[in-house]
Amino acid sequence: MEVILLERISRLGQMGETVKVKDGFARNFLLPQGKALRANEANKKKFESQRVQLEARNLERKSEAEKIAEKLDGMSFVAVRSAGETGQLYGSVSTRDIADLLAGEGFNVARNQVELNQPIKSIGLTNVAIALHPEVEVTVTLNVARSADEAERQAKGEDLTSAEAIYGEDINENARPDAFFDPDSEEDEEQRSAAEEEASQP
């Protein structure tokens, strides 16, 4: 289907351009969201008559997005999630979760503005692009950790995806079986038995 774009759509075209798109994309996204019109003579005339208003509205949205971008760009957000010792999450962090996190901090961002190719499935720091406007994009850092304390350690550059990182460097020292045995205990036992035998003899 051919459509006239009413705003710039990344990887598609600029406002006013006539582009060919898949029917489903046009019907399910571009047309219902008011981002495009079907390309026909009547709509071309309609677009030309509304062009000035559309451009003004686009500029207004862009300047609003730029104000938010100034505050949001480079910010870090913490998502506390349950995860195994290797750092694999029991679940994942999706675009909706990220939009909710940002909303909790006062940034009204829709989930379709969060550019995440696939859900985040392990703890660690991930850079996430947020498209506030077709021409305004910022990057935030998502710090996924098992607790606020771990998030702080990760932010300082620690890798928390190993047992040593979680329980401390000496986990393997403490876990050695010989640490639980007193090497002298066997000798003591033998001496005690000998003493008891002597005492029991008449």
Protein backbone atom coordinates (compact mmCIF):
# COMPACT_ATOMS: atom_id res chain seq x y z
CA MET A 1 0.00 0.00 0.00
CA GLU A 2 1.20 3.53 -0.79
CA VAL A 3 0.85 6.12 1.95
CA ILE A 4 1.69 9.79 2.50
CA LEU A 5 3.70 10.25 5.70
CA LEU A 6 2.33 12.89 8.07
CA GLU A 7 5.56 12.86 10.13
CA ARG A 8 9.09 11.55 9.81
CA ILE A 9 9.20 7.80 10.40
CA SER A 10 12.67 6.37 10.98
CA ARG A 11 13.88 4.00 8.26
CA LEU A 12 10.84 4.93 6.15
CA GLY A 13 10.88 8.58 5.12
CA GLN A 14 10.23 12.25 5.82
CA MET A 15 6.95 14.10 6.31
CA GLY A 16 5.11 14.52 3.01
CA GLU A 17 6.85 11.65 1.24
CA THR A 18 4.80 8.97 -0.49
CA VAL A 19 6.17 5.56 0.42
CA LYS A 20 5.20 1.96 -0.20
CA VAL A 21 4.62 -0.11 2.94
CA LYS A 22 3.16 -3.50 3.82
CA ASP A 23 -0.64 -3.43 4.09
CA GLY A 24 -0.60 -4.74 7.68
CA PHE A 25 1.89 -2.05 8.82
CA ALA A 26 -0.30 0.66 7.26
CA ARG A 27 -3.61 -0.71 8.60
CA ASN A 28 -2.42 -1.62 12.10
CA PHE A 29 0.01 1.21 12.82
CA LEU A 30 0.43 4.14 10.41
CA LEU A 31 -3.21 4.88 9.56
CA PRO A 32 -4.88 4.37 12.99
CA GLN A 33 -2.15 6.37 14.75
CA GLY A 34 -2.52 9.28 12.35
CA LYS A 35 1.05 8.97 11.08
CA ALA A 36 0.05 8.56 7.42
CA LEU A 37 -2.79 8.83 4.89
CA ARG A 38 -3.56 6.49 1.99
CA ALA A 39 -1.89 7.89 -1.11
CA ASN A 40 -4.64 9.16 -3.44
CA GLU A 41 -5.39 12.48 -5.10
CA ALA A 42 -7.88 13.61 -2.44
CA ASN A 43 -5.45 12.88 0.41
CA LYS A 44 -2.56 14.57 -1.45
CA LYS A 45 -4.65 17.77 -1.63
CA LYS A 46 -5.68 17.33 2.01
CA PHE A 47 -2.03 16.96 3.05
CA GLU A 48 -0.95 20.06 1.11
CA SER A 49 -3.70 22.13 2.72
CA GLN A 50 -2.68 20.90 6.20
CA ARG A 51 1.07 20.92 5.63
CA VAL A 52 1.74 24.15 7.53
CA GLN A 53 -0.22 22.97 10.58
CA LEU A 54 1.44 19.54 10.47
CA GLU A 55 4.90 21.11 10.29
CA ALA A 56 4.06 23.44 13.19
CA ARG A 57 2.74 20.52 15.26
CA ASN A 58 5.86 18.52 14.44
CA LEU A 59 8.13 21.39 15.55
CA GLU A 60 6.17 21.74 18.79
CA ARG A 61 6.46 18.02 19.53
CA LYS A 62 10.14 18.08 18.63
CA SER A 63 10.90 20.96 21.02
CA GLU A 64 8.95 19.20 23.80
CA ALA A 65 10.92 16.02 23.14
CA GLU A 66 14.20 17.98 23.22
CA LYS A 67 13.35 19.39 26.67
CA ILE A 68 12.71 15.88 28.01
CA ALA A 69 15.84 14.61 26.24
CA GLU A 70 18.03 17.10 28.12
CA LYS A 71 16.94 15.61 31.44
CA LEU A 72 16.67 11.97 30.36
CA ASP A 73 19.79 11.44 28.24
CA GLY A 74 22.46 9.42 30.05
CA MET A 75 20.29 8.68 33.10
CA SER A 76 20.51 5.31 34.83
CA PHE A 77 17.52 3.28 36.04
CA VAL A 78 17.59 0.27 38.37
CA ALA A 79 15.40 -2.79 37.82
CA VAL A 80 15.51 -5.29 40.70
CA ARG A 81 14.78 -8.83 39.50
CA SER A 82 15.22 -12.42 40.74
CA ALA A 83 18.11 -14.20 39.05
CA GLY A 84 20.22 -17.34 39.36
CA GLU A 85 23.90 -17.43 40.35
CA THR A 86 25.05 -17.09 36.74
CA GLY A 87 23.03 -13.89 36.36
CA GLN A 88 20.20 -15.38 34.24
CA LEU A 89 16.88 -13.76 35.13
CA TYR A 90 13.84 -15.79 36.15
CA GLY A 91 11.87 -14.01 33.43
CA SER A 92 12.94 -10.92 31.47
CA VAL A 93 12.79 -7.11 31.31
CA SER A 94 10.58 -5.95 28.42
CA THR A 95 9.85 -2.61 26.75
CA ARG A 96 6.73 -2.30 28.96
CA ASP A 97 8.84 -2.78 32.13
CA ILE A 98 11.27 -0.08 30.97
CA ALA A 99 8.42 2.34 30.11
CA ASP A 100 6.94 1.70 33.59
CA LEU A 101 10.33 2.34 35.24
CA LEU A 102 10.68 5.65 33.40
CA ALA A 103 7.09 6.61 34.27
CA GLY A 104 7.92 5.96 37.94
CA GLU A 105 10.63 8.63 37.62
CA GLY A 106 8.25 11.10 35.96
CA PHE A 107 9.10 10.45 32.29
CA ASN A 108 6.02 9.67 30.23
CA VAL A 109 7.33 7.29 27.57
CA ALA A 110 5.25 4.78 25.61
CA ARG A 111 6.55 1.22 25.29
CA ASN A 112 6.80 1.60 21.47
CA GLN A 113 9.29 4.44 22.06
CA VAL A 114 11.65 2.04 23.85
CA GLU A 115 13.94 0.58 21.21
CA LEU A 116 14.83 -2.87 22.47
CA ASN A 117 15.55 -5.59 19.91
CA GLN A 118 14.88 -8.36 22.42
CA PRO A 119 13.96 -8.56 26.11
CA ILE A 120 16.81 -8.36 28.64
CA LYS A 121 17.36 -11.80 30.18
CA SER A 122 20.37 -11.38 32.47
CA ILE A 123 21.63 -9.01 35.14
CA GLY A 124 24.08 -6.27 34.19
CA LEU A 125 24.15 -2.82 32.59
CA THR A 126 22.38 -2.35 29.25
CA ASN A 127 22.20 0.80 27.13
CA VAL A 128 18.66 1.35 25.86
CA ALA A 129 17.65 3.84 23.14
CA ILE A 130 14.48 5.86 23.72
CA ALA A 131 12.90 7.55 20.67
CA LEU A 132 11.15 10.57 22.18
CA HIS A 133 10.36 11.88 18.69
CA PRO A 134 11.26 10.69 15.17
CA GLU A 135 14.14 13.19 15.25
CA VAL A 136 15.04 13.02 18.96
CA GLU A 137 16.61 9.91 20.47
CA VAL A 138 18.36 9.48 23.83
CA THR A 139 20.20 6.63 25.50
CA VAL A 140 19.59 5.53 29.09
CA THR A 141 21.34 2.85 31.12
CA LEU A 142 19.30 0.04 32.61
CA ASN A 143 20.95 -1.54 35.65
CA VAL A 144 19.32 -4.96 36.17
CA ALA A 145 20.33 -6.49 39.52
CA ARG A 146 19.09 -8.82 42.27
CA SER A 147 19.03 -6.00 44.86
CA ALA A 148 19.66 -2.26 45.22
CA ASP A 149 23.01 -3.09 46.85
CA GLU A 150 24.05 -5.20 43.85
CA ALA A 151 22.90 -2.47 41.48
CA GLU A 152 25.29 -0.07 43.25
CA ARG A 153 28.17 -2.55 42.94
CA GLN A 154 27.39 -3.08 39.25
CA ALA A 155 27.29 0.67 38.64
CA LYS A 156 30.86 0.82 40.01
CA GLY A 157 31.93 -1.75 37.43
CA GLU A 158 31.68 -5.06 39.31
CA ASP A 159 30.64 -8.20 37.44
CA LEU A 160 28.05 -10.05 39.52
CA THR A 161 27.46 -13.05 37.28
CA SER A 162 29.58 -15.53 39.27
CA ALA A 163 29.21 -17.16 42.69
CA GLU A 164 32.44 -15.45 43.87
CA ALA A 165 30.96 -12.06 43.06
CA ILE A 166 27.78 -12.78 45.01
CA TYR A 167 29.21 -14.45 48.08
CA GLY A 168 32.66 -12.88 48.17
CA GLU A 169 36.09 -13.82 46.83
CA ASP A 170 36.74 -16.44 49.51
CA ILE A 171 33.70 -18.59 48.72
CA ASN A 172 35.92 -21.38 47.38
CA GLU A 173 38.24 -21.17 50.38
CA ASN A 174 35.30 -21.62 52.77
CA ALA A 175 33.81 -24.40 50.72
CA ARG A 176 36.86 -26.71 50.94
CA PRO A 177 35.92 -29.79 52.98
CA ASP A 178 39.29 -29.92 54.80
CA ALA A 179 38.45 -26.58 56.41
CA PHE A 180 35.81 -28.35 58.47
CA PHE A 181 38.19 -30.98 59.88
CA ASP A 182 40.89 -30.59 62.49
CA PRO A 183 43.95 -32.43 61.13
CA ASP A 184 45.03 -33.26 64.73
CA SER A 185 41.70 -34.78 65.68
CA GLU A 186 42.56 -38.30 64.47
CA GLU A 187 45.74 -38.44 66.55
CA ASP A 188 43.86 -37.14 69.60
CA GLU A 189 41.30 -39.89 69.13
CA GLU A 190 44.02 -42.58 69.03
CA GLN A 191 45.72 -41.19 72.16
CA ARG A 192 42.40 -41.05 74.00
CA SER A 193 41.63 -44.71 73.12
CA ALA A 194 45.09 -45.82 74.32
CA ALA A 195 44.68 -43.93 77.59
CA GLU A 196 41.26 -45.45 78.15
CA GLU A 197 42.65 -48.98 77.54
CA GLU A 198 45.46 -48.44 80.05
CA ALA A 199 43.01 -47.15 82.66
CA SER A 200 40.71 -50.14 82.24
CA GLN A 201 43.51 -52.69 82.82
CA PRO A 202 43.77 -54.00 86.42
